[in-house]
Every structure is written in structure tokens, then in C-alpha cells.
PDB file of all heavy atoms in Angstrom:
ATOM      1  N   ASN A   1      92.122 112.187  84.651  1.00  0.00           N
ATOM      2  CA  ASN A   1      90.678 112.308  84.869  1.00  0.00           C
ATOM      3  C   ASN A   1      90.123 111.125  85.654  1.00  0.00           C
ATOM      4  O   ASN A   1      88.913 110.874  85.640  1.00  0.00           O
ATOM      5  CB  ASN A   1      89.959 112.416  83.517  1.00  0.00           C
ATOM      6  CG  ASN A   1      90.115 113.789  82.898  1.00  0.00           C
ATOM      7  OD1 ASN A   1      89.448 114.749  83.274  1.00  0.00           O
ATOM      8  ND2 ASN A   1      91.028 113.892  81.950  1.00  0.00           N
ATOM      9  N   SER A   2      90.986 110.393  86.344  1.00  0.00           N
ATOM     10  CA  SER A   2      90.541 109.209  87.070  1.00  0.00           C
ATOM     11  C   SER A   2      89.728 109.576  88.309  1.00  0.00           C
ATOM     12  O   SER A   2      88.862 108.820  88.733  1.00  0.00           O
ATOM     13  CB  SER A   2      91.731 108.339  87.457  1.00  0.00           C
ATOM     14  OG  SER A   2      92.614 109.058  88.293  1.00  0.00           O
ATOM     15  N   ARG A   3      90.008 110.730  88.894  1.00  0.00           N
ATOM     16  CA  ARG A   3      89.194 111.205  90.026  1.00  0.00           C
ATOM     17  C   ARG A   3      88.495 112.508  89.684  1.00  0.00           C
ATOM     18  O   ARG A   3      87.377 112.753  90.103  1.00  0.00           O
ATOM     19  CB  ARG A   3      90.084 111.407  91.264  1.00  0.00           C
ATOM     20  CG  ARG A   3      90.611 110.112  91.843  1.00  0.00           C
ATOM     21  CD  ARG A   3      91.409 110.352  93.113  1.00  0.00           C
ATOM     22  NE  ARG A   3      92.495 111.319  92.899  1.00  0.00           N
ATOM     23  CZ  ARG A   3      92.488 112.561  93.395  1.00  0.00           C
ATOM     24  NH1 ARG A   3      91.475 112.987  94.096  1.00  0.00           N
ATOM     25  NH2 ARG A   3      93.517 113.353  93.179  1.00  0.00           N
ATOM     26  N   ASN A   4      89.172 113.340  88.934  1.00  0.00           N
ATOM     27  CA  ASN A   4      88.550 114.596  88.504  1.00  0.00           C
ATOM     28  C   ASN A   4      87.598 114.319  87.345  1.00  0.00           C
ATOM     29  O   ASN A   4      87.705 113.307  86.665  1.00  0.00           O
ATOM     30  CB  ASN A   4      89.634 115.593  88.058  1.00  0.00           C
ATOM     31  CG  ASN A   4      90.582 115.926  89.195  1.00  0.00           C
ATOM     32  OD1 ASN A   4      90.138 116.243  90.295  1.00  0.00           O
ATOM     33  ND2 ASN A   4      91.882 115.831  88.944  1.00  0.00           N
ATOM     34  N   THR A   5      86.714 115.219  87.100  1.00  0.00           N
ATOM     35  CA  THR A   5      85.741 115.032  86.012  1.00  0.00           C
ATOM     36  C   THR A   5      85.777 116.213  85.053  1.00  0.00           C
ATOM     37  O   THR A   5      84.745 116.614  84.513  1.00  0.00           O
ATOM     38  CB  THR A   5      84.322 114.861  86.580  1.00  0.00           C
ATOM     39  OG1 THR A   5      84.007 116.004  87.397  1.00  0.00           O
ATOM     40  CG2 THR A   5      84.215 113.594  87.401  1.00  0.00           C
ATOM     41  N   LYS A   6      86.965 116.768  84.822  1.00  0.00           N
ATOM     42  CA  LYS A   6      87.049 117.905  83.915  1.00  0.00           C
ATOM     43  C   LYS A   6      86.679 117.493  82.501  1.00  0.00           C
ATOM     44  O   LYS A   6      86.033 118.232  81.772  1.00  0.00           O
ATOM     45  CB  LYS A   6      88.469 118.485  83.942  1.00  0.00           C
ATOM     46  CG  LYS A   6      88.607 119.747  83.079  1.00  0.00           C
ATOM     47  CD  LYS A   6      89.937 120.444  83.297  1.00  0.00           C
ATOM     48  CE  LYS A   6      89.969 121.760  82.516  1.00  0.00           C
ATOM     49  NZ  LYS A   6      91.225 122.504  82.748  1.00  0.00           N
ATOM     50  N   TYR A   7      87.113 116.279  82.096  1.00  0.00           N
ATOM     51  CA  TYR A   7      86.808 115.775  80.759  1.00  0.00           C
ATOM     52  C   TYR A   7      86.323 114.331  80.862  1.00  0.00           C
ATOM     53  O   TYR A   7      86.664 113.616  81.798  1.00  0.00           O
ATOM     54  CB  TYR A   7      88.054 115.814  79.862  1.00  0.00           C
ATOM     55  CG  TYR A   7      88.657 117.181  79.689  1.00  0.00           C
ATOM     56  CD1 TYR A   7      89.917 117.477  80.200  1.00  0.00           C
ATOM     57  CD2 TYR A   7      87.971 118.181  79.007  1.00  0.00           C
ATOM     58  CE1 TYR A   7      90.475 118.739  80.043  1.00  0.00           C
ATOM     59  CE2 TYR A   7      88.522 119.446  78.843  1.00  0.00           C
ATOM     60  CZ  TYR A   7      89.775 119.713  79.366  1.00  0.00           C
ATOM     61  OH  TYR A   7      90.316 120.963  79.201  1.00  0.00           O
ATOM     62  N   HIS A   8      85.548 113.905  79.868  1.00  0.00           N
ATOM     63  CA  HIS A   8      85.173 112.509  79.775  1.00  0.00           C
ATOM     64  C   HIS A   8      86.412 111.684  79.442  1.00  0.00           C
ATOM     65  O   HIS A   8      87.246 112.094  78.640  1.00  0.00           O
ATOM     66  CB  HIS A   8      84.126 112.298  78.680  1.00  0.00           C
ATOM     67  CG  HIS A   8      82.793 112.879  79.013  1.00  0.00           C
ATOM     68  ND1 HIS A   8      82.024 112.419  80.054  1.00  0.00           N
ATOM     69  CD2 HIS A   8      82.088 113.888  78.438  1.00  0.00           C
ATOM     70  CE1 HIS A   8      80.906 113.119  80.112  1.00  0.00           C
ATOM     71  NE2 HIS A   8      80.921 114.011  79.152  1.00  0.00           N
ATOM     72  N   ARG A   9      86.508 110.508  80.042  1.00  0.00           N
ATOM     73  CA  ARG A   9      87.643 109.634  79.755  1.00  0.00           C
ATOM     74  C   ARG A   9      87.417 108.910  78.432  1.00  0.00           C
ATOM     75  O   ARG A   9      86.292 108.655  78.026  1.00  0.00           O
ATOM     76  CB  ARG A   9      87.813 108.632  80.886  1.00  0.00           C
ATOM     77  CG  ARG A   9      88.052 109.302  82.237  1.00  0.00           C
ATOM     78  CD  ARG A   9      88.054 108.296  83.355  1.00  0.00           C
ATOM     79  NE  ARG A   9      89.301 107.549  83.361  1.00  0.00           N
ATOM     80  CZ  ARG A   9      89.475 106.456  84.088  1.00  0.00           C
ATOM     81  NH1 ARG A   9      88.490 105.971  84.810  1.00  0.00           N
ATOM     82  NH2 ARG A   9      90.629 105.824  84.069  1.00  0.00           N
ATOM     83  N   PHE A  10      88.489 108.581  77.774  1.00  0.00           N
ATOM     84  CA  PHE A  10      88.405 107.918  76.477  1.00  0.00           C
ATOM     85  C   PHE A  10      88.105 106.427  76.610  1.00  0.00           C
ATOM     86  O   PHE A  10      87.517 105.827  75.727  1.00  0.00           O
ATOM     87  CB  PHE A  10      89.705 108.111  75.689  1.00  0.00           C
ATOM     88  CG  PHE A  10      89.891 109.509  75.192  1.00  0.00           C
ATOM     89  CD1 PHE A  10      90.720 110.393  75.863  1.00  0.00           C
ATOM     90  CD2 PHE A  10      89.239 109.956  74.047  1.00  0.00           C
ATOM     91  CE1 PHE A  10      90.893 111.695  75.404  1.00  0.00           C
ATOM     92  CE2 PHE A  10      89.400 111.242  73.594  1.00  0.00           C
ATOM     93  CZ  PHE A  10      90.224 112.113  74.265  1.00  0.00           C
ATOM     94  N   THR A  11      88.545 105.833  77.701  1.00  0.00           N
ATOM     95  CA  THR A  11      88.328 104.404  77.883  1.00  0.00           C
ATOM     96  C   THR A  11      87.099 104.165  78.747  1.00  0.00           C
ATOM     97  O   THR A  11      86.475 105.094  79.258  1.00  0.00           O
ATOM     98  CB  THR A  11      89.559 103.751  78.545  1.00  0.00           C
ATOM     99  OG1 THR A  11      89.837 104.451  79.768  1.00  0.00           O
ATOM    100  CG2 THR A  11      90.759 103.832  77.634  1.00  0.00           C
ATOM    101  N   SER A  12      86.762 102.909  78.937  1.00  0.00           N
ATOM    102  CA  SER A  12      85.534 102.557  79.648  1.00  0.00           C
ATOM    103  C   SER A  12      85.770 102.221  81.118  1.00  0.00           C
ATOM    104  O   SER A  12      84.928 101.587  81.748  1.00  0.00           O
ATOM    105  CB  SER A  12      84.870 101.360  78.955  1.00  0.00           C
ATOM    106  OG  SER A  12      85.754 100.259  78.924  1.00  0.00           O
ATOM    107  N   ILE A  13      86.912 102.607  81.667  1.00  0.00           N
ATOM    108  CA  ILE A  13      87.157 102.366  83.096  1.00  0.00           C
ATOM    109  C   ILE A  13      86.445 103.460  83.875  1.00  0.00           C
ATOM    110  O   ILE A  13      87.025 104.491  84.194  1.00  0.00           O
ATOM    111  CB  ILE A  13      88.655 102.377  83.434  1.00  0.00           C
ATOM    112  CG1 ILE A  13      89.411 101.442  82.528  1.00  0.00           C
ATOM    113  CG2 ILE A  13      88.883 101.976  84.881  1.00  0.00           C
ATOM    114  CD1 ILE A  13      90.890 101.428  82.774  1.00  0.00           C
ATOM    115  N   LEU A  14      85.178 103.268  84.134  1.00  0.00           N
ATOM    116  CA  LEU A  14      84.373 104.247  84.841  1.00  0.00           C
ATOM    117  C   LEU A  14      83.729 103.603  86.057  1.00  0.00           C
ATOM    118  O   LEU A  14      83.788 102.383  86.240  1.00  0.00           O
ATOM    119  CB  LEU A  14      83.295 104.814  83.914  1.00  0.00           C
ATOM    120  CG  LEU A  14      83.818 105.493  82.636  1.00  0.00           C
ATOM    121  CD1 LEU A  14      82.658 105.805  81.713  1.00  0.00           C
ATOM    122  CD2 LEU A  14      84.583 106.744  82.978  1.00  0.00           C
ATOM    123  N   GLY A  15      83.094 104.381  86.887  1.00  0.00           N
ATOM    124  CA  GLY A  15      82.399 103.826  88.039  1.00  0.00           C
ATOM    125  C   GLY A  15      83.016 104.285  89.343  1.00  0.00           C
ATOM    126  O   GLY A  15      83.548 105.387  89.440  1.00  0.00           O
ATOM    127  N   SER A  16      82.974 103.437  90.349  1.00  0.00           N
ATOM    128  CA  SER A  16      83.427 103.814  91.687  1.00  0.00           C
ATOM    129  C   SER A  16      84.953 103.870  91.755  1.00  0.00           C
ATOM    130  O   SER A  16      85.646 103.336  90.907  1.00  0.00           O
ATOM    131  CB  SER A  16      82.919 102.803  92.710  1.00  0.00           C
ATOM    132  OG  SER A  16      83.526 101.548  92.488  1.00  0.00           O
ATOM    133  N   PHE A  17      85.434 104.494  92.824  1.00  0.00           N
ATOM    134  CA  PHE A  17      86.880 104.617  92.999  1.00  0.00           C
ATOM    135  C   PHE A  17      87.561 103.267  93.152  1.00  0.00           C
ATOM    136  O   PHE A  17      88.759 103.141  92.965  1.00  0.00           O
ATOM    137  CB  PHE A  17      87.192 105.466  94.229  1.00  0.00           C
ATOM    138  CG  PHE A  17      86.981 106.930  94.034  1.00  0.00           C
ATOM    139  CD1 PHE A  17      86.666 107.751  95.098  1.00  0.00           C
ATOM    140  CD2 PHE A  17      87.088 107.492  92.773  1.00  0.00           C
ATOM    141  CE1 PHE A  17      86.475 109.110  94.925  1.00  0.00           C
ATOM    142  CE2 PHE A  17      86.891 108.849  92.595  1.00  0.00           C
ATOM    143  CZ  PHE A  17      86.577 109.662  93.670  1.00  0.00           C
ATOM    144  N   SER A  18      86.820 102.234  93.521  1.00  0.00           N
ATOM    145  CA  SER A  18      87.433 100.934  93.784  1.00  0.00           C
ATOM    146  C   SER A  18      87.723 100.148  92.519  1.00  0.00           C
ATOM    147  O   SER A  18      88.382  99.127  92.566  1.00  0.00           O
ATOM    148  CB  SER A  18      86.521 100.101  94.684  1.00  0.00           C
ATOM    149  OG  SER A  18      85.281  99.871  94.049  1.00  0.00           O
ATOM    150  N   GLU A  19      87.206 100.606  91.367  1.00  0.00           N
ATOM    151  CA  GLU A  19      87.419  99.878  90.127  1.00  0.00           C
ATOM    152  C   GLU A  19      88.838 100.088  89.609  1.00  0.00           C
ATOM    153  O   GLU A  19      89.491 101.073  89.953  1.00  0.00           O
ATOM    154  CB  GLU A  19      86.402 100.319  89.073  1.00  0.00           C
ATOM    155  CG  GLU A  19      84.992  99.860  89.413  1.00  0.00           C
ATOM    156  CD  GLU A  19      84.029 100.125  88.285  1.00  0.00           C
ATOM    157  OE1 GLU A  19      84.455 100.711  87.271  1.00  0.00           O
ATOM    158  OE2 GLU A  19      82.856  99.750  88.407  1.00  0.00           O
ATOM    159  N   PRO A  20      89.335  99.164  88.791  1.00  0.00           N
ATOM    160  CA  PRO A  20      90.702  99.290  88.255  1.00  0.00           C
ATOM    161  C   PRO A  20      90.912 100.639  87.581  1.00  0.00           C
ATOM    162  O   PRO A  20      90.071 101.106  86.822  1.00  0.00           O
ATOM    163  CB  PRO A  20      90.785  98.148  87.236  1.00  0.00           C
ATOM    164  CG  PRO A  20      89.802  97.149  87.729  1.00  0.00           C
ATOM    165  CD  PRO A  20      88.678  97.954  88.304  1.00  0.00           C
ATOM    166  N   GLY A  21      92.059 101.244  87.881  1.00  0.00           N
ATOM    167  CA  GLY A  21      92.384 102.509  87.249  1.00  0.00           C
ATOM    168  C   GLY A  21      91.886 103.720  87.995  1.00  0.00           C
ATOM    169  O   GLY A  21      92.110 104.845  87.576  1.00  0.00           O
ATOM    170  N   ARG A  22      91.195 103.503  89.124  1.00  0.00           N
ATOM    171  CA  ARG A  22      90.699 104.638  89.892  1.00  0.00           C
ATOM    172  C   ARG A  22      91.244 104.536  91.311  1.00  0.00           C
ATOM    173  O   ARG A  22      91.286 103.462  91.909  1.00  0.00           O
ATOM    174  CB  ARG A  22      89.174 104.670  89.899  1.00  0.00           C
ATOM    175  CG  ARG A  22      88.583 104.754  88.506  1.00  0.00           C
ATOM    176  CD  ARG A  22      87.080 104.885  88.537  1.00  0.00           C
ATOM    177  NE  ARG A  22      86.673 106.183  89.047  1.00  0.00           N
ATOM    178  CZ  ARG A  22      86.528 107.263  88.294  1.00  0.00           C
ATOM    179  NH1 ARG A  22      86.771 107.212  87.013  1.00  0.00           N
ATOM    180  NH2 ARG A  22      86.159 108.410  88.817  1.00  0.00           N
ATOM    181  N   LEU A  23      91.636 105.663  91.866  1.00  0.00           N
ATOM    182  CA  LEU A  23      92.205 105.676  93.213  1.00  0.00           C
ATOM    183  C   LEU A  23      91.092 105.733  94.251  1.00  0.00           C
ATOM    184  O   LEU A  23      90.185 106.554  94.154  1.00  0.00           O
ATOM    185  CB  LEU A  23      93.123 106.887  93.380  1.00  0.00           C
ATOM    186  CG  LEU A  23      94.353 106.910  92.464  1.00  0.00           C
ATOM    187  CD1 LEU A  23      95.129 108.193  92.670  1.00  0.00           C
ATOM    188  CD2 LEU A  23      95.240 105.712  92.743  1.00  0.00           C
ATOM    189  N   SER A  24      91.167 104.865  95.263  1.00  0.00           N
ATOM    190  CA  SER A  24      90.171 104.864  96.330  1.00  0.00           C
ATOM    191  C   SER A  24      90.572 105.855  97.413  1.00  0.00           C
ATOM    192  O   SER A  24      91.720 106.309  97.487  1.00  0.00           O
ATOM    193  CB  SER A  24      90.057 103.460  96.927  1.00  0.00           C
ATOM    194  OG  SER A  24      91.262 103.118  97.592  1.00  0.00           O
ATOM    195  N   GLU A  25      89.632 106.175  98.278  1.00  0.00           N
ATOM    196  CA  GLU A  25      89.938 107.089  99.367  1.00  0.00           C
ATOM    197  C   GLU A  25      90.983 106.486 100.305  1.00  0.00           C
ATOM    198  O   GLU A  25      91.839 107.194 100.824  1.00  0.00           O
ATOM    199  CB  GLU A  25      88.656 107.418 100.134  1.00  0.00           C
ATOM    200  CG  GLU A  25      87.613 108.169  99.297  1.00  0.00           C
ATOM    201  CD  GLU A  25      88.154 109.482  98.763  1.00  0.00           C
ATOM    202  OE1 GLU A  25      89.002 110.121  99.432  1.00  0.00           O
ATOM    203  OE2 GLU A  25      87.736 109.867  97.658  1.00  0.00           O
ATOM    204  N   SER A  26      90.941 105.167 100.509  1.00  0.00           N
ATOM    205  CA  SER A  26      91.937 104.532 101.370  1.00  0.00           C
ATOM    206  C   SER A  26      93.327 104.600 100.767  1.00  0.00           C
ATOM    207  O   SER A  26      94.334 104.681 101.477  1.00  0.00           O
ATOM    208  CB  SER A  26      91.557 103.066 101.641  1.00  0.00           C
ATOM    209  OG  SER A  26      91.520 102.336 100.419  1.00  0.00           O
ATOM    210  N   ASP A  27      93.399 104.561  99.431  1.00  0.00           N
ATOM    211  CA  ASP A  27      94.696 104.695  98.767  1.00  0.00           C
ATOM    212  C   ASP A  27      95.337 106.029  99.096  1.00  0.00           C
ATOM    213  O   ASP A  27      96.558 106.168  99.122  1.00  0.00           O
ATOM    214  CB  ASP A  27      94.528 104.598  97.246  1.00  0.00           C
ATOM    215  CG  ASP A  27      94.106 103.212  96.796  1.00  0.00           C
ATOM    216  OD1 ASP A  27      94.424 102.243  97.500  1.00  0.00           O
ATOM    217  OD2 ASP A  27      93.465 103.120  95.732  1.00  0.00           O
ATOM    218  N   LEU A  28      94.500 107.037  99.325  1.00  0.00           N
ATOM    219  CA  LEU A  28      94.994 108.400  99.458  1.00  0.00           C
ATOM    220  C   LEU A  28      95.014 108.890 100.900  1.00  0.00           C
ATOM    221  O   LEU A  28      95.317 110.050 101.152  1.00  0.00           O
ATOM    222  CB  LEU A  28      94.105 109.350  98.630  1.00  0.00           C
ATOM    223  CG  LEU A  28      94.054 109.050  97.123  1.00  0.00           C
ATOM    224  CD1 LEU A  28      92.986 109.909  96.456  1.00  0.00           C
ATOM    225  CD2 LEU A  28      95.401 109.304  96.491  1.00  0.00           C
ATOM    226  N   GLU A  29      94.726 108.021 101.856  1.00  0.00           N
ATOM    227  CA  GLU A  29      94.542 108.487 103.219  1.00  0.00           C
ATOM    228  C   GLU A  29      95.814 109.058 103.832  1.00  0.00           C
ATOM    229  O   GLU A  29      95.761 109.919 104.721  1.00  0.00           O
ATOM    230  CB  GLU A  29      94.011 107.350 104.092  1.00  0.00           C
ATOM    231  CG  GLU A  29      94.926 106.148 104.179  1.00  0.00           C
ATOM    232  CD  GLU A  29      94.319 105.017 104.986  1.00  0.00           C
ATOM    233  OE1 GLU A  29      93.147 105.137 105.392  1.00  0.00           O
ATOM    234  OE2 GLU A  29      95.027 104.030 105.239  1.00  0.00           O
ATOM    235  N   ASN A  30      96.972 108.616 103.343  1.00  0.00           N
ATOM    236  CA  ASN A  30      98.238 109.121 103.888  1.00  0.00           C
ATOM    237  C   ASN A  30      98.865 110.206 103.020  1.00  0.00           C
ATOM    238  O   ASN A  30      99.993 110.607 103.252  1.00  0.00           O
ATOM    239  CB  ASN A  30      99.237 107.971 104.044  1.00  0.00           C
ATOM    240  CG  ASN A  30      98.766 106.939 105.047  1.00  0.00           C
ATOM    241  OD1 ASN A  30      98.224 107.295 106.097  1.00  0.00           O
ATOM    242  ND2 ASN A  30      98.969 105.664 104.730  1.00  0.00           N
ATOM    243  N   VAL A  31      98.104 110.673 102.049  1.00  0.00           N
ATOM    244  CA  VAL A  31      98.607 111.691 101.146  1.00  0.00           C
ATOM    245  C   VAL A  31      98.043 113.043 101.542  1.00  0.00           C
ATOM    246  O   VAL A  31      96.844 113.159 101.794  1.00  0.00           O
ATOM    247  CB  VAL A  31      98.199 111.373  99.689  1.00  0.00           C
ATOM    248  CG1 VAL A  31      98.723 112.450  98.753  1.00  0.00           C
ATOM    249  CG2 VAL A  31      98.746 110.017  99.295  1.00  0.00           C
ATOM    250  N   PRO A  32      98.878 114.100 101.652  1.00  0.00           N
ATOM    251  CA  PRO A  32      98.371 115.426 101.986  1.00  0.00           C
ATOM    252  C   PRO A  32      97.253 115.832 101.041  1.00  0.00           C
ATOM    253  O   PRO A  32      97.261 115.490  99.871  1.00  0.00           O
ATOM    254  CB  PRO A  32      99.607 116.319 101.809  1.00  0.00           C
ATOM    255  CG  PRO A  32     100.763 115.396 101.998  1.00  0.00           C
ATOM    256  CD  PRO A  32     100.334 114.081 101.451  1.00  0.00           C
ATOM    257  N   GLU A  33      96.282 116.577 101.567  1.00  0.00           N
ATOM    258  CA  GLU A  33      95.078 116.903 100.796  1.00  0.00           C
ATOM    259  C   GLU A  33      95.390 117.605  99.483  1.00  0.00           C
ATOM    260  O   GLU A  33      94.881 117.233  98.425  1.00  0.00           O
ATOM    261  CB  GLU A  33      94.148 117.773 101.644  1.00  0.00           C
ATOM    262  CG  GLU A  33      92.847 118.124 100.932  1.00  0.00           C
ATOM    263  CD  GLU A  33      91.934 118.938 101.807  1.00  0.00           C
ATOM    264  OE1 GLU A  33      92.248 119.130 102.998  1.00  0.00           O
ATOM    265  OE2 GLU A  33      90.899 119.396 101.292  1.00  0.00           O
ATOM    266  N   LYS A  34      96.226 118.638  99.500  1.00  0.00           N
ATOM    267  CA  LYS A  34      96.525 119.374  98.274  1.00  0.00           C
ATOM    268  C   LYS A  34      97.245 118.480  97.272  1.00  0.00           C
ATOM    269  O   LYS A  34      96.976 118.527  96.071  1.00  0.00           O
ATOM    270  CB  LYS A  34      97.364 120.603  98.588  1.00  0.00           C
ATOM    271  CG  LYS A  34      96.603 121.693  99.337  1.00  0.00           C
ATOM    272  CD  LYS A  34      97.474 122.919  99.546  1.00  0.00           C
ATOM    273  CE  LYS A  34      96.705 124.012 100.265  1.00  0.00           C
ATOM    274  NZ  LYS A  34      97.546 125.222 100.486  1.00  0.00           N
ATOM    275  N   ALA A  35      98.159 117.687  97.774  1.00  0.00           N
ATOM    276  CA  ALA A  35      98.895 116.799  96.876  1.00  0.00           C
ATOM    277  C   ALA A  35      97.972 115.770  96.253  1.00  0.00           C
ATOM    278  O   ALA A  35      98.150 115.387  95.099  1.00  0.00           O
ATOM    279  CB  ALA A  35     100.020 116.108  97.639  1.00  0.00           C
ATOM    280  N   ALA A  36      96.987 115.304  97.018  1.00  0.00           N
ATOM    281  CA  ALA A  36      96.060 114.296  96.497  1.00  0.00           C
ATOM    282  C   ALA A  36      95.300 114.809  95.297  1.00  0.00           C
ATOM    283  O   ALA A  36      94.899 114.039  94.432  1.00  0.00           O
ATOM    284  CB  ALA A  36      95.087 113.879  97.598  1.00  0.00           C
ATOM    285  N   GLU A  37      95.095 116.104  95.210  1.00  0.00           N
ATOM    286  CA  GLU A  37      94.360 116.701  94.102  1.00  0.00           C
ATOM    287  C   GLU A  37      95.238 116.943  92.877  1.00  0.00           C
ATOM    288  O   GLU A  37      94.737 117.169  91.799  1.00  0.00           O
ATOM    289  CB  GLU A  37      93.742 118.041  94.546  1.00  0.00           C
ATOM    290  CG  GLU A  37      92.581 117.891  95.493  1.00  0.00           C
ATOM    291  CD  GLU A  37      91.414 117.170  94.842  1.00  0.00           C
ATOM    292  OE1 GLU A  37      91.111 117.456  93.667  1.00  0.00           O
ATOM    293  OE2 GLU A  37      90.841 116.293  95.502  1.00  0.00           O
ATOM    294  N   ASN A  38      96.549 116.904  93.051  1.00  0.00           N
ATOM    295  CA  ASN A  38      97.421 117.298  91.952  1.00  0.00           C
ATOM    296  C   ASN A  38      98.537 116.288  91.702  1.00  0.00           C
ATOM    297  O   ASN A  38      98.529 115.577  90.704  1.00  0.00           O
ATOM    298  CB  ASN A  38      98.006 118.681  92.239  1.00  0.00           C
ATOM    299  CG  ASN A  38      98.796 119.236  91.067  1.00  0.00           C
ATOM    300  OD1 ASN A  38      98.902 118.599  90.029  1.00  0.00           O
ATOM    301  ND2 ASN A  38      99.359 120.406  91.221  1.00  0.00           N
ATOM    302  N   GLN A  39      99.465 116.181  92.647  1.00  0.00           N
ATOM    303  CA  GLN A  39     100.670 115.406  92.374  1.00  0.00           C
ATOM    304  C   GLN A  39     100.421 113.906  92.327  1.00  0.00           C
ATOM    305  O   GLN A  39     101.114 113.192  91.604  1.00  0.00           O
ATOM    306  CB  GLN A  39     101.750 115.743  93.400  1.00  0.00           C
ATOM    307  CG  GLN A  39     102.272 117.164  93.239  1.00  0.00           C
ATOM    308  CD  GLN A  39     103.626 117.368  93.886  1.00  0.00           C
ATOM    309  OE1 GLN A  39     104.327 116.411  94.194  1.00  0.00           O
ATOM    310  NE2 GLN A  39     104.001 118.609  94.089  1.00  0.00           N
ATOM    311  N   THR A  40      99.424 113.416  93.062  1.00  0.00           N
ATOM    312  CA  THR A  40      99.122 111.992  92.965  1.00  0.00           C
ATOM    313  C   THR A  40      98.567 111.664  91.592  1.00  0.00           C
ATOM    314  O   THR A  40      98.891 110.635  90.994  1.00  0.00           O
ATOM    315  CB  THR A  40      98.127 111.578  94.066  1.00  0.00           C
ATOM    316  OG1 THR A  40      98.709 111.859  95.334  1.00  0.00           O
ATOM    317  CG2 THR A  40      97.813 110.097  93.969  1.00  0.00           C
ATOM    318  N   ASP A  41      97.724 112.534  91.067  1.00  0.00           N
ATOM    319  CA  ASP A  41      97.219 112.355  89.705  1.00  0.00           C
ATOM    320  C   ASP A  41      98.367 112.407  88.701  1.00  0.00           C
ATOM    321  O   ASP A  41      98.378 111.669  87.715  1.00  0.00           O
ATOM    322  CB  ASP A  41      96.193 113.438  89.367  1.00  0.00           C
ATOM    323  CG  ASP A  41      94.907 113.271  90.169  1.00  0.00           C
ATOM    324  OD1 ASP A  41      94.670 112.166  90.680  1.00  0.00           O
ATOM    325  OD2 ASP A  41      94.153 114.246  90.292  1.00  0.00           O
ATOM    326  N   THR A  42      99.332 113.295  88.954  1.00  0.00           N
ATOM    327  CA  THR A  42     100.486 113.397  88.073  1.00  0.00           C
ATOM    328  C   THR A  42     101.284 112.095  88.076  1.00  0.00           C
ATOM    329  O   THR A  42     101.702 111.595  87.023  1.00  0.00           O
ATOM    330  CB  THR A  42     101.394 114.567  88.501  1.00  0.00           C
ATOM    331  OG1 THR A  42     100.652 115.790  88.433  1.00  0.00           O
ATOM    332  CG2 THR A  42     102.614 114.671  87.602  1.00  0.00           C
ATOM    333  N   ALA A  43     101.494 111.529  89.268  1.00  0.00           N
ATOM    334  CA  ALA A  43     102.216 110.255  89.363  1.00  0.00           C
ATOM    335  C   ALA A  43     101.466 109.163  88.607  1.00  0.00           C
ATOM    336  O   ALA A  43     102.071 108.326  87.924  1.00  0.00           O
ATOM    337  CB  ALA A  43     102.381 109.868  90.829  1.00  0.00           C
ATOM    338  N   LEU A  44     100.147 109.159  88.721  1.00  0.00           N
ATOM    339  CA  LEU A  44      99.333 108.175  88.018  1.00  0.00           C
ATOM    340  C   LEU A  44      99.509 108.317  86.505  1.00  0.00           C
ATOM    341  O   LEU A  44      99.649 107.324  85.787  1.00  0.00           O
ATOM    342  CB  LEU A  44      97.864 108.370  88.399  1.00  0.00           C
ATOM    343  CG  LEU A  44      96.845 107.351  87.881  1.00  0.00           C
ATOM    344  CD1 LEU A  44      97.175 105.964  88.388  1.00  0.00           C
ATOM    345  CD2 LEU A  44      95.447 107.765  88.319  1.00  0.00           C
ATOM    346  N   ALA A  45      99.531 109.552  86.021  1.00  0.00           N
ATOM    347  CA  ALA A  45      99.708 109.805  84.589  1.00  0.00           C
ATOM    348  C   ALA A  45     101.081 109.370  84.113  1.00  0.00           C
ATOM    349  O   ALA A  45     101.235 108.829  83.010  1.00  0.00           O
ATOM    350  CB  ALA A  45      99.488 111.286  84.293  1.00  0.00           C
TER     351      ALA A  45
END
């Protein structure tokens, strides 16, 4: 749930993508669009 908002997160790492624990758009610029929505989140988990 670091980029998606399906559920509220349990911890207090909230805010912009640049904060710890959240992926920024620049982090994902070389990742295919579909993968960025799914497999990158999976790798993070």
C-alpha cells in the first residue's frame, strides 16, 4: 500500500512519494508501466 491506497497503512510512513518507504516517480522511470503497478510493489513487499 506504499503507492496504492486500497487500504490504510498500519504504520505512520505517510505523505509524499519521496518519504522513506515510498517509491518516487524517478525510482520507477525505467520500470514498465504495468510492472510498476504490480511487480515492483511485490518486490517491495
